[in-house]
Amino acid sequence: MKDILFFSHNQKKIIEVKQIFKNSNTKVCDLNSFKKIKEPKETGDTFASNAKIKSKYGQHIFNMPCFADDSGFCVEALKNNPGVKSKRFLEKFSNSKKAFEYIISNVVKKQNNRAFFITAISLTLKKNHHIIFLGKINGTVSLKPKGANGFGYDPIFIPENNIKTFAEMKLDEKNIISHRKIAINKLKSFLF
């Protein structure tokens, strides 16, 4: 497959995805390559349904194979929330520092620091033809935010068998183990 659209405006995600695809013969386009496109509302109650809303919309608008992701941070002490509402959860606080403090205080109170990141990628090749690829990485909540790389919840997530948070890792380090990498590897195996 020569060209594929990654339906996202999130610059950090776009950089991650393009880096994962860099040694393939597929050109990954993103929404920044086109005039301003309105994204559809993510009204699904699962990661997969939100990813599908975006990939279906992108394929329909641009008439080319399209994939989209929906990812989230799940904290056991918060009953696996923020989960599918991860982005909206961060937006409820005046800044991410306050959101992290809320999460960390619950982790300490419940004495349970287990957490995981999950990604669902939906690939839409043509109308009503969607394939879902999942990626998950387990880890723990860091009791203090660390690192300046990454985005979202990266400063408070330490992946299993690691001592650094995602935000302390360089992009290529994170891309070896991340939930998005796991899901995109499944997508790449399907495509090639």
Foldseek 3Di string as FASTA:
>chain_A
DAEEEEEDPPPLVVVLLCVLCVPDNHDYHYPVVDPDDDADDQPDPAFQSSFCSRQLVVCVVPVAKYKYKQKAKFFVLVVGPPHSCQVVLQVVDPHNQVSLQVRLVSCVVVVHFKMKMKMWMWIDGDHPDIDIFIFMFIFGFASHFDAQADDRRQRGTDTPPGDHGNRNDDSVVCCVRDRVNRRVVVVVVVVD
